[in-house]
Amino acid sequence: MSVRDFLFALLVAAVLSSAIAVVHARHLHRQAYIALSGLQADRDELNIEFGRLQLEQATWAEANRIEQVAGTRIGMKYPTDDDIVVLQP
C-alpha cells in the first residue's frame, strides 16, 4: 500500500466520520427543538392558567363579595350608633 492509497483511505474515513457527525448533530438538534416546542406549549398553558387564577383572585377579593361573606358566614354587621364609644384623652 502506497502513501497515496493510505492518504486516500484516510480522507475517505474522515469524510465518512464527518458525515456521520453531521447526521448525529442534526438528530440532536431535532430532538432539542421538539423538547423546546413542548416546553413552550407548557409555558403557554401555564400562562393561561395564571391569568385565570388572577381573575379568580380578583373576583374573590372584591369588596362586595367580602362584605357578603362577612355578613352571612361570620355574622358581621356595621355597628350602630349605640355600639360606638368615643373616648376622650
N, C-alpha and C. Protein backbone atom coordinates (compact mmCIF):
# COMPACT_ATOMS: atom_id res chain seq x y z
N MET A 1 0.85 -1.17 0.00
CA MET A 1 0.00 0.00 0.00
C MET A 1 0.89 1.23 0.00
N SER A 2 0.64 2.07 -0.95
CA SER A 2 1.48 3.26 -1.08
C SER A 2 0.96 4.37 -0.18
N VAL A 3 1.75 5.39 -0.08
CA VAL A 3 1.38 6.56 0.74
C VAL A 3 0.14 7.23 0.16
N ARG A 4 0.05 7.23 -1.15
CA ARG A 4 -1.11 7.85 -1.80
C ARG A 4 -2.40 7.10 -1.46
N ASP A 5 -2.33 5.78 -1.49
CA ASP A 5 -3.50 4.98 -1.14
C ASP A 5 -3.87 5.16 0.33
N PHE A 6 -2.85 5.26 1.18
CA PHE A 6 -3.10 5.46 2.61
C PHE A 6 -3.79 6.81 2.85
N LEU A 7 -3.31 7.88 2.19
CA LEU A 7 -3.92 9.20 2.34
C LEU A 7 -5.35 9.21 1.81
N PHE A 8 -5.57 8.50 0.70
CA PHE A 8 -6.91 8.42 0.15
C PHE A 8 -7.86 7.71 1.13
N ALA A 9 -7.41 6.62 1.71
CA ALA A 9 -8.23 5.89 2.67
C ALA A 9 -8.48 6.76 3.91
N LEU A 10 -7.48 7.49 4.32
CA LEU A 10 -7.62 8.39 5.48
C LEU A 10 -8.62 9.49 5.18
N LEU A 11 -8.58 10.07 4.00
CA LEU A 11 -9.54 11.12 3.63
C LEU A 11 -10.95 10.56 3.52
N VAL A 12 -11.12 9.37 2.99
CA VAL A 12 -12.43 8.75 2.89
C VAL A 12 -12.99 8.51 4.29
N ALA A 13 -12.14 8.04 5.19
CA ALA A 13 -12.57 7.80 6.57
C ALA A 13 -12.95 9.13 7.24
N ALA A 14 -12.21 10.19 6.98
CA ALA A 14 -12.51 11.49 7.57
C ALA A 14 -13.82 12.04 7.02
N VAL A 15 -14.06 11.88 5.73
CA VAL A 15 -15.31 12.35 5.14
C VAL A 15 -16.49 11.57 5.70
N LEU A 16 -16.37 10.26 5.81
CA LEU A 16 -17.45 9.45 6.35
C LEU A 16 -17.72 9.78 7.82
N SER A 17 -16.67 9.95 8.60
CA SER A 17 -16.87 10.28 10.01
C SER A 17 -17.49 11.66 10.18
N SER A 18 -17.09 12.61 9.35
CA SER A 18 -17.70 13.95 9.45
C SER A 18 -19.16 13.91 8.99
N ALA A 19 -19.48 13.08 8.00
CA ALA A 19 -20.87 12.94 7.56
C ALA A 19 -21.72 12.34 8.67
N ILE A 20 -21.19 11.33 9.34
CA ILE A 20 -21.92 10.73 10.46
C ILE A 20 -22.08 11.74 11.59
N ALA A 21 -21.07 12.55 11.84
CA ALA A 21 -21.16 13.58 12.88
C ALA A 21 -22.22 14.62 12.53
N VAL A 22 -22.33 14.99 11.26
CA VAL A 22 -23.35 15.95 10.83
C VAL A 22 -24.74 15.37 11.03
N VAL A 23 -24.93 14.12 10.66
CA VAL A 23 -26.23 13.47 10.83
C VAL A 23 -26.59 13.40 12.31
N HIS A 24 -25.61 13.05 13.14
CA HIS A 24 -25.85 12.98 14.58
C HIS A 24 -26.20 14.36 15.15
N ALA A 25 -25.48 15.39 14.73
CA ALA A 25 -25.76 16.75 15.20
C ALA A 25 -27.15 17.20 14.78
N ARG A 26 -27.56 16.88 13.57
CA ARG A 26 -28.92 17.25 13.13
C ARG A 26 -29.97 16.51 13.93
N HIS A 27 -29.71 15.27 14.24
CA HIS A 27 -30.64 14.48 15.05
C HIS A 27 -30.78 15.10 16.44
N LEU A 28 -29.67 15.45 17.05
CA LEU A 28 -29.72 16.10 18.37
C LEU A 28 -30.46 17.44 18.30
N HIS A 29 -30.24 18.18 17.22
CA HIS A 29 -30.91 19.47 17.04
C HIS A 29 -32.42 19.27 16.94
N ARG A 30 -32.85 18.26 16.20
CA ARG A 30 -34.29 17.99 16.07
C ARG A 30 -34.90 17.58 17.40
N GLN A 31 -34.19 16.76 18.15
CA GLN A 31 -34.69 16.36 19.46
C GLN A 31 -34.81 17.57 20.39
N ALA A 32 -33.81 18.43 20.36
CA ALA A 32 -33.84 19.63 21.20
C ALA A 32 -34.98 20.55 20.78
N TYR A 33 -35.23 20.67 19.49
CA TYR A 33 -36.30 21.53 19.00
C TYR A 33 -37.67 20.98 19.42
N ILE A 34 -37.82 19.66 19.36
CA ILE A 34 -39.08 19.05 19.79
C ILE A 34 -39.30 19.30 21.28
N ALA A 35 -38.24 19.15 22.07
CA ALA A 35 -38.35 19.42 23.50
C ALA A 35 -38.68 20.89 23.75
N LEU A 36 -38.05 21.78 23.00
CA LEU A 36 -38.32 23.21 23.14
C LEU A 36 -39.78 23.52 22.80
N SER A 37 -40.29 22.94 21.74
CA SER A 37 -41.69 23.17 21.36
C SER A 37 -42.64 22.69 22.45
N GLY A 38 -42.34 21.55 23.03
CA GLY A 38 -43.17 21.04 24.12
C GLY A 38 -43.13 21.96 25.33
N LEU A 39 -41.95 22.44 25.67
CA LEU A 39 -41.82 23.35 26.81
C LEU A 39 -42.52 24.68 26.56
N GLN A 40 -42.48 25.16 25.33
CA GLN A 40 -43.18 26.41 25.01
C GLN A 40 -44.70 26.21 25.12
N ALA A 41 -45.19 25.06 24.70
CA ALA A 41 -46.63 24.78 24.84
C ALA A 41 -47.01 24.71 26.31
N ASP A 42 -46.16 24.07 27.12
CA ASP A 42 -46.42 24.02 28.57
C ASP A 42 -46.42 25.42 29.16
N ARG A 43 -45.47 26.26 28.73
CA ARG A 43 -45.40 27.64 29.22
C ARG A 43 -46.66 28.40 28.87
N ASP A 44 -47.14 28.22 27.64
CA ASP A 44 -48.36 28.91 27.23
C ASP A 44 -49.57 28.47 28.06
N GLU A 45 -49.65 27.17 28.33
CA GLU A 45 -50.75 26.67 29.16
C GLU A 45 -50.66 27.22 30.58
N LEU A 46 -49.45 27.30 31.11
CA LEU A 46 -49.28 27.85 32.46
C LEU A 46 -49.61 29.34 32.51
N ASN A 47 -49.28 30.07 31.46
CA ASN A 47 -49.65 31.49 31.40
C ASN A 47 -51.16 31.67 31.37
N ILE A 48 -51.85 30.81 30.63
CA ILE A 48 -53.31 30.88 30.58
C ILE A 48 -53.89 30.57 31.96
N GLU A 49 -53.37 29.52 32.59
CA GLU A 49 -53.83 29.16 33.93
C GLU A 49 -53.57 30.28 34.93
N PHE A 50 -52.42 30.91 34.83
CA PHE A 50 -52.09 32.02 35.73
C PHE A 50 -53.06 33.18 35.54
N GLY A 51 -53.41 33.48 34.29
CA GLY A 51 -54.38 34.53 34.03
C GLY A 51 -55.74 34.21 34.62
N ARG A 52 -56.15 32.94 34.50
CA ARG A 52 -57.43 32.53 35.10
C ARG A 52 -57.39 32.67 36.62
N LEU A 53 -56.28 32.27 37.21
CA LEU A 53 -56.17 32.36 38.67
C LEU A 53 -56.15 33.81 39.14
N GLN A 54 -55.52 34.69 38.38
CA GLN A 54 -55.53 36.11 38.74
C GLN A 54 -56.95 36.66 38.67
N LEU A 55 -57.69 36.28 37.66
CA LEU A 55 -59.07 36.72 37.52
C LEU A 55 -59.92 36.19 38.67
N GLU A 56 -59.71 34.93 39.02
CA GLU A 56 -60.46 34.35 40.14
C GLU A 56 -60.12 35.06 41.45
N GLN A 57 -58.84 35.35 41.64
CA GLN A 57 -58.43 36.06 42.86
C GLN A 57 -59.06 37.44 42.92
N ALA A 58 -59.09 38.13 41.80
CA ALA A 58 -59.70 39.46 41.78
C ALA A 58 -61.19 39.38 42.08
N THR A 59 -61.84 38.33 41.59
CA THR A 59 -63.26 38.16 41.86
C THR A 59 -63.52 37.90 43.33
N TRP A 60 -62.72 37.03 43.93
CA TRP A 60 -62.92 36.71 45.34
C TRP A 60 -62.54 37.86 46.25
N ALA A 61 -61.70 38.76 45.80
CA ALA A 61 -61.23 39.86 46.64
C ALA A 61 -62.07 41.13 46.50
N GLU A 62 -63.14 41.09 45.72
CA GLU A 62 -63.98 42.28 45.56
C GLU A 62 -64.62 42.64 46.90
N ALA A 63 -64.80 43.93 47.14
CA ALA A 63 -65.34 44.40 48.42
C ALA A 63 -66.75 43.87 48.65
N ASN A 64 -67.58 43.84 47.63
CA ASN A 64 -68.96 43.34 47.78
C ASN A 64 -68.96 41.88 48.21
N ARG A 65 -68.09 41.09 47.62
CA ARG A 65 -68.02 39.66 47.96
C ARG A 65 -67.55 39.49 49.40
N ILE A 66 -66.55 40.25 49.82
CA ILE A 66 -66.05 40.15 51.19
C ILE A 66 -67.13 40.57 52.18
N GLU A 67 -67.85 41.63 51.86
CA GLU A 67 -68.92 42.09 52.74
C GLU A 67 -70.03 41.05 52.84
N GLN A 68 -70.37 40.43 51.73
CA GLN A 68 -71.42 39.41 51.72
C GLN A 68 -71.00 38.20 52.57
N VAL A 69 -69.78 37.75 52.40
CA VAL A 69 -69.30 36.60 53.17
C VAL A 69 -69.22 36.95 54.65
N ALA A 70 -68.76 38.15 54.97
CA ALA A 70 -68.66 38.55 56.38
C ALA A 70 -70.04 38.60 57.02
N GLY A 71 -71.04 39.01 56.29
CA GLY A 71 -72.39 39.08 56.85
C GLY A 71 -73.05 37.73 56.98
N THR A 72 -72.88 36.86 55.99
CA THR A 72 -73.59 35.58 56.01
C THR A 72 -72.86 34.52 56.83
N ARG A 73 -71.58 34.38 56.67
CA ARG A 73 -70.86 33.30 57.35
C ARG A 73 -70.47 33.65 58.78
N ILE A 74 -70.00 34.86 58.98
CA ILE A 74 -69.47 35.23 60.30
C ILE A 74 -70.50 36.00 61.12
N GLY A 75 -71.48 36.56 60.47
CA GLY A 75 -72.50 37.32 61.19
C GLY A 75 -72.05 38.74 61.51
N MET A 76 -71.11 39.26 60.75
CA MET A 76 -70.64 40.63 60.99
C MET A 76 -71.66 41.63 60.44
N LYS A 77 -71.71 42.77 61.07
CA LYS A 77 -72.59 43.84 60.60
C LYS A 77 -71.96 45.17 60.97
N TYR A 78 -72.47 46.22 60.36
CA TYR A 78 -71.97 47.56 60.69
C TYR A 78 -72.44 47.92 62.10
N PRO A 79 -71.59 48.56 62.89
CA PRO A 79 -72.01 48.93 64.25
C PRO A 79 -73.05 50.04 64.22
N THR A 80 -73.98 49.96 65.16
CA THR A 80 -74.98 51.02 65.28
C THR A 80 -74.40 52.17 66.10
N ASP A 81 -75.14 53.25 66.18
CA ASP A 81 -74.65 54.39 66.94
C ASP A 81 -74.50 54.05 68.42
N ASP A 82 -75.31 53.15 68.92
CA ASP A 82 -75.21 52.75 70.33
C ASP A 82 -73.95 51.92 70.59
N ASP A 83 -73.47 51.25 69.58
CA ASP A 83 -72.28 50.41 69.75
C ASP A 83 -70.97 51.21 69.68
N ILE A 84 -71.01 52.43 69.19
CA ILE A 84 -69.80 53.25 69.02
C ILE A 84 -69.56 54.03 70.32
N VAL A 85 -68.35 53.91 70.82
CA VAL A 85 -67.96 54.61 72.04
C VAL A 85 -66.78 55.51 71.69
N VAL A 86 -66.89 56.78 72.00
CA VAL A 86 -65.83 57.74 71.75
C VAL A 86 -65.12 58.01 73.07
N LEU A 87 -63.82 57.83 73.09
CA LEU A 87 -63.03 58.06 74.28
C LEU A 87 -62.35 59.42 74.18
N GLN A 88 -62.40 60.14 75.25
CA GLN A 88 -61.72 61.43 75.31
C GLN A 88 -60.34 61.23 75.94
N PRO A 89 -59.33 61.92 75.44
CA PRO A 89 -57.98 61.75 76.01
C PRO A 89 -57.87 62.34 77.40
